[in-house]
Amino acid sequence: MPTRYAEPAPAYPLVSATAVMIHQLALDLYQCVGAVWAIVATRNLDELAPLCVYGQAPNLDATLRHSESLLSRDVFSSDRDTITELESPAASWTPHIVCPTFVRNEIAGALIFGPKGSPDGYRIEEKELVREFARHISKLLHKDPMAGCR
């Protein structure tokens, strides 16, 4: 009888179930609010890195740098339900909505949304939905911190 060898391990990284859930939740939210683009970012040291990108963010690096500067304001550390909405963004890459995610009372990342696909701005209900999703993603990251790692 010939010896059977195990198949080689797949060449792609293992992805946790939590990471898959975050990706799906964010994709659903992106589609639901009608954003042109959206980013789920994780915070590595003092800068944001993309975890998931939906649509076409015109300048990913500039968007992440600008979002990080918004997150570094003290207002987010005292109020977890704060959401930043920029009324008149300066450029196409400027985020319209930035909502932080938390793990152990530290900002772990953010949900970042570009302009809406329609001429109307984000409705109050859509902004509340973004806040609620950020809370859920924070809870998922709290249970599985490695899901936010790149």
N, C-alpha and C. Protein backbone atom coordinates (compact mmCIF):
# COMPACT_ATOMS: atom_id res chain seq x y z
N MET A 1 0.84 -1.16 0.00
CA MET A 1 0.00 0.00 0.00
C MET A 1 0.90 1.24 0.00
N PRO A 2 0.63 2.20 -0.91
CA PRO A 2 1.48 3.39 -1.00
C PRO A 2 1.28 4.30 0.22
N THR A 3 2.32 5.01 0.56
CA THR A 3 2.26 5.96 1.67
C THR A 3 1.54 7.21 1.21
N ARG A 4 0.62 7.67 2.02
CA ARG A 4 -0.11 8.90 1.68
C ARG A 4 0.48 10.05 2.48
N TYR A 5 0.72 11.14 1.79
CA TYR A 5 1.25 12.33 2.43
C TYR A 5 0.15 13.37 2.55
N ALA A 6 0.24 14.13 3.60
CA ALA A 6 -0.74 15.21 3.79
C ALA A 6 -0.54 16.27 2.72
N GLU A 7 -1.63 16.86 2.33
CA GLU A 7 -1.57 17.96 1.36
C GLU A 7 -0.84 19.13 2.00
N PRO A 8 -0.10 19.91 1.20
CA PRO A 8 0.56 21.08 1.77
C PRO A 8 -0.47 22.09 2.27
N ALA A 9 -0.07 22.87 3.24
CA ALA A 9 -0.97 23.89 3.80
C ALA A 9 -1.27 24.92 2.71
N PRO A 10 -2.46 25.49 2.75
CA PRO A 10 -2.80 26.52 1.76
C PRO A 10 -1.86 27.72 1.87
N ALA A 11 -1.68 28.43 0.77
CA ALA A 11 -0.75 29.56 0.73
C ALA A 11 -1.38 30.86 1.21
N TYR A 12 -2.57 30.83 1.73
CA TYR A 12 -3.20 32.04 2.24
C TYR A 12 -3.27 31.98 3.76
N PRO A 13 -3.30 33.15 4.41
CA PRO A 13 -3.31 33.16 5.88
C PRO A 13 -4.65 32.69 6.43
N LEU A 14 -4.60 32.13 7.62
CA LEU A 14 -5.81 31.74 8.30
C LEU A 14 -6.56 33.00 8.72
N VAL A 15 -7.85 33.01 8.53
CA VAL A 15 -8.66 34.17 8.89
C VAL A 15 -9.64 33.72 9.96
N SER A 16 -9.71 34.49 11.04
CA SER A 16 -10.61 34.10 12.12
C SER A 16 -12.06 34.35 11.73
N ALA A 17 -12.94 33.63 12.37
CA ALA A 17 -14.37 33.81 12.13
C ALA A 17 -14.77 35.24 12.48
N THR A 18 -14.15 35.80 13.50
CA THR A 18 -14.46 37.18 13.89
C THR A 18 -14.09 38.15 12.78
N ALA A 19 -12.94 37.96 12.16
CA ALA A 19 -12.52 38.84 11.06
C ALA A 19 -13.51 38.75 9.90
N VAL A 20 -13.99 37.55 9.62
CA VAL A 20 -14.98 37.37 8.54
C VAL A 20 -16.28 38.08 8.90
N MET A 21 -16.69 38.00 10.17
CA MET A 21 -17.91 38.69 10.61
C MET A 21 -17.76 40.20 10.49
N ILE A 22 -16.60 40.72 10.88
CA ILE A 22 -16.36 42.17 10.77
C ILE A 22 -16.43 42.59 9.31
N HIS A 23 -15.79 41.83 8.45
CA HIS A 23 -15.82 42.14 7.02
C HIS A 23 -17.25 42.17 6.50
N GLN A 24 -18.05 41.17 6.85
CA GLN A 24 -19.42 41.10 6.35
C GLN A 24 -20.29 42.21 6.93
N LEU A 25 -20.15 42.49 8.22
CA LEU A 25 -20.91 43.59 8.84
C LEU A 25 -20.58 44.92 8.15
N ALA A 26 -19.30 45.17 7.94
CA ALA A 26 -18.88 46.42 7.33
C ALA A 26 -19.35 46.52 5.88
N LEU A 27 -19.30 45.42 5.15
CA LEU A 27 -19.79 45.42 3.78
C LEU A 27 -21.28 45.74 3.74
N ASP A 28 -22.05 45.11 4.62
CA ASP A 28 -23.49 45.38 4.69
C ASP A 28 -23.75 46.84 5.02
N LEU A 29 -22.99 47.39 5.96
CA LEU A 29 -23.17 48.78 6.36
C LEU A 29 -22.83 49.73 5.21
N TYR A 30 -21.73 49.47 4.54
CA TYR A 30 -21.30 50.27 3.39
C TYR A 30 -22.41 50.32 2.33
N GLN A 31 -22.99 49.18 2.04
CA GLN A 31 -24.05 49.12 1.05
C GLN A 31 -25.33 49.78 1.54
N CYS A 32 -25.63 49.60 2.82
CA CYS A 32 -26.86 50.13 3.40
C CYS A 32 -26.88 51.66 3.41
N VAL A 33 -25.78 52.29 3.78
CA VAL A 33 -25.76 53.75 3.86
C VAL A 33 -25.48 54.42 2.52
N GLY A 34 -25.09 53.64 1.52
CA GLY A 34 -24.89 54.19 0.18
C GLY A 34 -23.65 55.03 0.01
N ALA A 35 -22.58 54.65 0.70
CA ALA A 35 -21.32 55.39 0.59
C ALA A 35 -20.63 55.06 -0.74
N VAL A 36 -19.87 56.02 -1.25
CA VAL A 36 -19.06 55.78 -2.45
C VAL A 36 -17.90 54.87 -2.10
N TRP A 37 -17.33 55.07 -0.91
CA TRP A 37 -16.25 54.21 -0.42
C TRP A 37 -16.31 54.18 1.10
N ALA A 38 -15.73 53.12 1.66
CA ALA A 38 -15.66 52.97 3.12
C ALA A 38 -14.42 52.16 3.48
N ILE A 39 -13.93 52.40 4.68
CA ILE A 39 -12.73 51.71 5.17
C ILE A 39 -12.97 51.27 6.60
N VAL A 40 -12.61 50.04 6.91
CA VAL A 40 -12.50 49.60 8.29
C VAL A 40 -11.01 49.62 8.57
N ALA A 41 -10.62 50.44 9.53
CA ALA A 41 -9.20 50.59 9.82
C ALA A 41 -8.90 50.08 11.23
N THR A 42 -7.70 49.56 11.38
CA THR A 42 -7.21 49.14 12.68
C THR A 42 -6.04 50.04 13.05
N ARG A 43 -5.85 50.24 14.32
CA ARG A 43 -4.78 51.14 14.76
C ARG A 43 -3.57 50.32 15.16
N ASN A 44 -2.47 50.55 14.49
CA ASN A 44 -1.19 49.93 14.81
C ASN A 44 -0.29 51.03 15.35
N LEU A 45 0.02 50.95 16.64
CA LEU A 45 0.76 52.01 17.33
C LEU A 45 -0.04 53.31 17.21
N ASP A 46 0.47 54.30 16.51
CA ASP A 46 -0.25 55.56 16.41
C ASP A 46 -0.68 55.89 15.00
N GLU A 47 -0.91 54.87 14.19
CA GLU A 47 -1.40 55.14 12.84
C GLU A 47 -2.42 54.10 12.44
N LEU A 48 -3.29 54.50 11.54
CA LEU A 48 -4.33 53.60 11.07
C LEU A 48 -3.83 52.80 9.87
N ALA A 49 -4.28 51.55 9.80
CA ALA A 49 -3.97 50.69 8.66
C ALA A 49 -5.30 50.08 8.19
N PRO A 50 -5.48 49.94 6.88
CA PRO A 50 -6.75 49.41 6.39
C PRO A 50 -6.90 47.92 6.70
N LEU A 51 -8.06 47.56 7.20
CA LEU A 51 -8.40 46.16 7.43
C LEU A 51 -9.29 45.69 6.28
N CYS A 52 -10.26 46.53 5.91
CA CYS A 52 -11.16 46.26 4.79
C CYS A 52 -11.39 47.58 4.06
N VAL A 53 -11.42 47.53 2.73
CA VAL A 53 -11.71 48.71 1.92
C VAL A 53 -12.81 48.33 0.95
N TYR A 54 -13.82 49.19 0.89
CA TYR A 54 -14.97 48.96 0.00
C TYR A 54 -15.09 50.17 -0.93
N GLY A 55 -15.38 49.90 -2.19
CA GLY A 55 -15.44 50.99 -3.16
C GLY A 55 -14.03 51.43 -3.51
N GLN A 56 -13.92 52.65 -4.02
CA GLN A 56 -12.62 53.13 -4.46
C GLN A 56 -12.26 54.40 -3.70
N ALA A 57 -11.48 54.27 -2.64
CA ALA A 57 -11.00 55.43 -1.90
C ALA A 57 -9.95 56.12 -2.76
N PRO A 58 -10.13 57.39 -3.10
CA PRO A 58 -9.21 58.07 -4.03
C PRO A 58 -7.76 58.12 -3.57
N ASN A 59 -7.52 58.32 -2.27
CA ASN A 59 -6.14 58.39 -1.77
C ASN A 59 -6.14 57.77 -0.38
N LEU A 60 -5.92 56.48 -0.33
CA LEU A 60 -6.02 55.72 0.90
C LEU A 60 -5.09 56.25 1.99
N ASP A 61 -3.84 56.53 1.66
CA ASP A 61 -2.88 57.02 2.67
C ASP A 61 -3.33 58.35 3.26
N ALA A 62 -3.74 59.28 2.41
CA ALA A 62 -4.18 60.59 2.90
C ALA A 62 -5.44 60.45 3.75
N THR A 63 -6.35 59.58 3.35
CA THR A 63 -7.58 59.36 4.11
C THR A 63 -7.26 58.82 5.49
N LEU A 64 -6.37 57.84 5.57
CA LEU A 64 -6.01 57.26 6.86
C LEU A 64 -5.27 58.26 7.75
N ARG A 65 -4.37 59.06 7.18
CA ARG A 65 -3.66 60.07 7.97
C ARG A 65 -4.63 61.11 8.53
N HIS A 66 -5.55 61.56 7.69
CA HIS A 66 -6.53 62.56 8.13
C HIS A 66 -7.45 61.98 9.20
N SER A 67 -7.88 60.75 9.01
CA SER A 67 -8.75 60.09 10.00
C SER A 67 -8.02 59.92 11.33
N GLU A 68 -6.75 59.55 11.27
CA GLU A 68 -5.96 59.41 12.50
C GLU A 68 -5.85 60.74 13.23
N SER A 69 -5.69 61.83 12.49
CA SER A 69 -5.61 63.14 13.15
C SER A 69 -6.93 63.48 13.84
N LEU A 70 -8.04 63.07 13.26
CA LEU A 70 -9.34 63.28 13.91
C LEU A 70 -9.47 62.41 15.15
N LEU A 71 -9.00 61.18 15.09
CA LEU A 71 -9.10 60.26 16.23
C LEU A 71 -8.20 60.68 17.39
N SER A 72 -7.13 61.39 17.10
CA SER A 72 -6.20 61.76 18.17
C SER A 72 -6.72 62.91 19.03
N ARG A 73 -7.86 63.46 18.66
CA ARG A 73 -8.47 64.50 19.50
C ARG A 73 -8.95 63.86 20.80
N ASP A 74 -8.90 64.61 21.87
CA ASP A 74 -9.30 64.11 23.18
C ASP A 74 -10.78 63.78 23.28
N VAL A 75 -11.60 64.33 22.42
CA VAL A 75 -13.05 64.13 22.53
C VAL A 75 -13.43 62.65 22.45
N PHE A 76 -12.69 61.86 21.68
CA PHE A 76 -13.02 60.45 21.52
C PHE A 76 -12.72 59.63 22.77
N SER A 77 -11.72 60.04 23.54
CA SER A 77 -11.38 59.27 24.73
C SER A 77 -12.40 59.45 25.83
N SER A 78 -13.12 60.57 25.84
CA SER A 78 -14.10 60.80 26.90
C SER A 78 -15.52 60.39 26.50
N ASP A 79 -15.80 60.33 25.21
CA ASP A 79 -17.16 60.00 24.76
C ASP A 79 -17.09 58.95 23.66
N ARG A 80 -17.43 57.73 24.01
CA ARG A 80 -17.33 56.62 23.06
C ARG A 80 -18.37 56.69 21.94
N ASP A 81 -19.42 57.47 22.13
CA ASP A 81 -20.47 57.55 21.11
C ASP A 81 -20.25 58.71 20.14
N THR A 82 -19.10 59.34 20.22
CA THR A 82 -18.82 60.46 19.34
C THR A 82 -18.59 59.96 17.92
N ILE A 83 -19.15 60.69 17.00
CA ILE A 83 -18.93 60.40 15.58
C ILE A 83 -18.56 61.73 14.94
N THR A 84 -17.54 61.75 14.14
CA THR A 84 -17.15 62.98 13.46
C THR A 84 -17.72 62.96 12.06
N GLU A 85 -18.42 64.03 11.74
CA GLU A 85 -18.93 64.18 10.39
C GLU A 85 -18.42 65.49 9.84
N LEU A 86 -17.75 65.45 8.71
CA LEU A 86 -17.24 66.65 8.08
C LEU A 86 -18.28 67.14 7.08
N GLU A 87 -18.77 68.34 7.30
CA GLU A 87 -19.86 68.88 6.48
C GLU A 87 -19.40 69.23 5.06
N SER A 88 -18.22 69.83 4.95
CA SER A 88 -17.74 70.24 3.63
C SER A 88 -16.30 69.77 3.45
N PRO A 89 -16.13 68.50 3.13
CA PRO A 89 -14.78 67.95 2.97
C PRO A 89 -13.98 68.70 1.90
N ALA A 90 -12.69 68.83 2.16
CA ALA A 90 -11.81 69.62 1.30
C ALA A 90 -11.48 68.91 -0.01
N ALA A 91 -11.43 67.58 0.00
CA ALA A 91 -11.02 66.84 -1.19
C ALA A 91 -11.82 65.54 -1.28
N SER A 92 -11.73 64.88 -2.41
CA SER A 92 -12.51 63.65 -2.62
C SER A 92 -12.07 62.52 -1.68
N TRP A 93 -10.85 62.59 -1.18
CA TRP A 93 -10.35 61.55 -0.27
C TRP A 93 -10.69 61.84 1.18
N THR A 94 -11.17 63.05 1.47
CA THR A 94 -11.48 63.42 2.85
C THR A 94 -12.67 62.62 3.34
N PRO A 95 -12.54 61.99 4.50
CA PRO A 95 -13.68 61.23 5.01
C PRO A 95 -14.86 62.13 5.37
N HIS A 96 -16.04 61.62 5.17
CA HIS A 96 -17.25 62.35 5.57
C HIS A 96 -17.67 61.93 6.97
N ILE A 97 -17.42 60.66 7.33
CA ILE A 97 -17.76 60.15 8.66
C ILE A 97 -16.58 59.34 9.18
N VAL A 98 -16.21 59.60 10.44
CA VAL A 98 -15.19 58.80 11.13
C VAL A 98 -15.77 58.42 12.48
N CYS A 99 -15.84 57.13 12.75
CA CYS A 99 -16.40 56.63 14.00
C CYS A 99 -15.42 55.60 14.59
N PRO A 100 -14.90 55.86 15.79
CA PRO A 100 -13.88 54.97 16.36
C PRO A 100 -14.45 53.65 16.86
N THR A 101 -13.59 52.64 16.88
CA THR A 101 -13.89 51.37 17.55
C THR A 101 -12.94 51.28 18.75
N PHE A 102 -13.36 50.59 19.78
CA PHE A 102 -12.59 50.53 21.02
C PHE A 102 -12.33 49.10 21.44
N VAL A 103 -11.19 48.87 22.06
CA VAL A 103 -10.87 47.62 22.75
C VAL A 103 -10.21 48.02 24.07
N ARG A 104 -10.78 47.55 25.15
CA ARG A 104 -10.27 47.86 26.50
C ARG A 104 -10.07 49.36 26.70
N ASN A 105 -11.07 50.14 26.35
CA ASN A 105 -11.08 51.60 26.53
C ASN A 105 -10.01 52.35 25.73
N GLU A 106 -9.42 51.70 24.76
CA GLU A 106 -8.46 52.34 23.87
C GLU A 106 -9.02 52.33 22.45
N ILE A 107 -8.76 53.39 21.70
CA ILE A 107 -9.20 53.40 20.31
C ILE A 107 -8.43 52.33 19.56
N ALA A 108 -9.17 51.38 18.97
CA ALA A 108 -8.55 50.26 18.26
C ALA A 108 -8.57 50.45 16.75
N GLY A 109 -9.37 51.40 16.28
CA GLY A 109 -9.49 51.61 14.85
C GLY A 109 -10.66 52.52 14.57
N ALA A 110 -11.19 52.43 13.35
CA ALA A 110 -12.30 53.31 13.00
C ALA A 110 -13.05 52.78 11.80
N LEU A 111 -14.31 53.18 11.73
CA LEU A 111 -15.11 53.02 10.52
C LEU A 111 -15.05 54.38 9.83
N ILE A 112 -14.64 54.38 8.58
CA ILE A 112 -14.43 55.63 7.84
C ILE A 112 -15.26 55.57 6.56
N PHE A 113 -16.07 56.58 6.35
CA PHE A 113 -16.93 56.62 5.17
C PHE A 113 -16.67 57.86 4.34
N GLY A 114 -16.59 57.66 3.04
CA GLY A 114 -16.44 58.76 2.11
C GLY A 114 -17.80 59.37 1.81
N PRO A 115 -17.89 60.08 0.70
CA PRO A 115 -19.16 60.73 0.36
C PRO A 115 -20.26 59.71 0.08
N LYS A 116 -21.46 60.18 0.20
CA LYS A 116 -22.61 59.35 -0.11
C LYS A 116 -22.77 59.30 -1.62
N GLY A 117 -23.32 58.21 -2.12
CA GLY A 117 -23.50 58.05 -3.56
C GLY A 117 -24.56 58.97 -4.14
N SER A 118 -25.40 59.55 -3.30
CA SER A 118 -26.43 60.48 -3.75
C SER A 118 -26.06 61.89 -3.29
N PRO A 119 -26.68 62.92 -3.88
CA PRO A 119 -26.33 64.28 -3.48
C PRO A 119 -26.71 64.63 -2.05
N ASP A 120 -27.63 63.89 -1.47
CA ASP A 120 -28.02 64.14 -0.09
C ASP A 120 -26.90 63.67 0.84
N GLY A 121 -26.77 64.32 1.98
CA GLY A 121 -25.79 63.89 2.98
C GLY A 121 -26.32 62.67 3.73
N TYR A 122 -25.54 62.21 4.67
CA TYR A 122 -25.96 61.08 5.49
C TYR A 122 -27.11 61.50 6.40
N ARG A 123 -28.13 60.68 6.44
CA ARG A 123 -29.28 60.93 7.31
C ARG A 123 -28.91 60.58 8.76
N ILE A 124 -29.67 61.13 9.68
CA ILE A 124 -29.45 60.87 11.11
C ILE A 124 -29.50 59.36 11.38
N GLU A 125 -30.45 58.66 10.76
CA GLU A 125 -30.59 57.21 10.97
C GLU A 125 -29.35 56.46 10.49
N GLU A 126 -28.76 56.92 9.40
CA GLU A 126 -27.57 56.27 8.87
C GLU A 126 -26.37 56.49 9.79
N LYS A 127 -26.26 57.70 10.33
CA LYS A 127 -25.16 57.97 11.26
C LYS A 127 -25.33 57.15 12.55
N GLU A 128 -26.55 57.00 13.01
CA GLU A 128 -26.80 56.18 14.19
C GLU A 128 -26.47 54.71 13.90
N LEU A 129 -26.76 54.26 12.70
CA LEU A 129 -26.43 52.89 12.30
C LEU A 129 -24.91 52.69 12.30
N VAL A 130 -24.16 53.68 11.83
CA VAL A 130 -22.70 53.60 11.86
C VAL A 130 -22.21 53.49 13.30
N ARG A 131 -22.78 54.32 14.20
CA ARG A 131 -22.40 54.25 15.63
C ARG A 131 -22.67 52.87 16.20
N GLU A 132 -23.84 52.33 15.90
CA GLU A 132 -24.22 51.02 16.43
C GLU A 132 -23.30 49.92 15.90
N PHE A 133 -22.98 49.98 14.63
CA PHE A 133 -22.06 48.99 14.05
C PHE A 133 -20.68 49.11 14.69
N ALA A 134 -20.23 50.33 14.95
CA ALA A 134 -18.93 50.52 15.61
C ALA A 134 -18.94 49.86 16.99
N ARG A 135 -20.05 49.97 17.70
CA ARG A 135 -20.16 49.31 19.02
C ARG A 135 -20.06 47.79 18.87
N HIS A 136 -20.76 47.25 17.87
CA HIS A 136 -20.73 45.79 17.66
C HIS A 136 -19.33 45.33 17.26
N ILE A 137 -18.69 46.06 16.37
CA ILE A 137 -17.34 45.69 15.95
C ILE A 137 -16.38 45.79 17.13
N SER A 138 -16.57 46.80 17.99
CA SER A 138 -15.73 46.92 19.19
C SER A 138 -15.89 45.69 20.08
N LYS A 139 -17.12 45.22 20.23
CA LYS A 139 -17.36 44.03 21.05
C LYS A 139 -16.70 42.80 20.44
N LEU A 140 -16.78 42.68 19.12
CA LEU A 140 -16.14 41.55 18.45
C LEU A 140 -14.62 41.61 18.62
N LEU A 141 -14.05 42.80 18.48
CA LEU A 141 -12.60 42.95 18.63
C LEU A 141 -12.17 42.71 20.07
N HIS A 142 -13.03 43.04 21.03
CA HIS A 142 -12.71 42.81 22.43
C HIS A 142 -12.59 41.30 22.69
N LYS A 143 -13.48 40.52 22.07
CA LYS A 143 -13.46 39.07 22.26
C LYS A 143 -12.34 38.40 21.49
N ASP A 144 -11.95 38.98 20.36
CA ASP A 144 -10.91 38.39 19.51
C ASP A 144 -10.02 39.50 18.97
N PRO A 145 -9.11 40.04 19.79
CA PRO A 145 -8.27 41.16 19.37
C PRO A 145 -7.44 40.87 18.10
N MET A 146 -7.12 39.61 17.88
CA MET A 146 -6.31 39.28 16.71
C MET A 146 -7.09 39.46 15.40
N ALA A 147 -8.41 39.57 15.47
CA ALA A 147 -9.20 39.76 14.26
C ALA A 147 -8.90 41.12 13.64
N GLY A 148 -8.43 42.05 14.44
CA GLY A 148 -8.09 43.38 13.94
C GLY A 148 -6.68 43.51 13.45
N CYS A 149 -5.92 42.43 13.51
CA CYS A 149 -4.52 42.48 13.05
C CYS A 149 -4.47 42.24 11.56
N ARG A 150 -3.52 42.86 10.93
CA ARG A 150 -3.35 42.67 9.49
C ARG A 150 -2.41 41.53 9.23
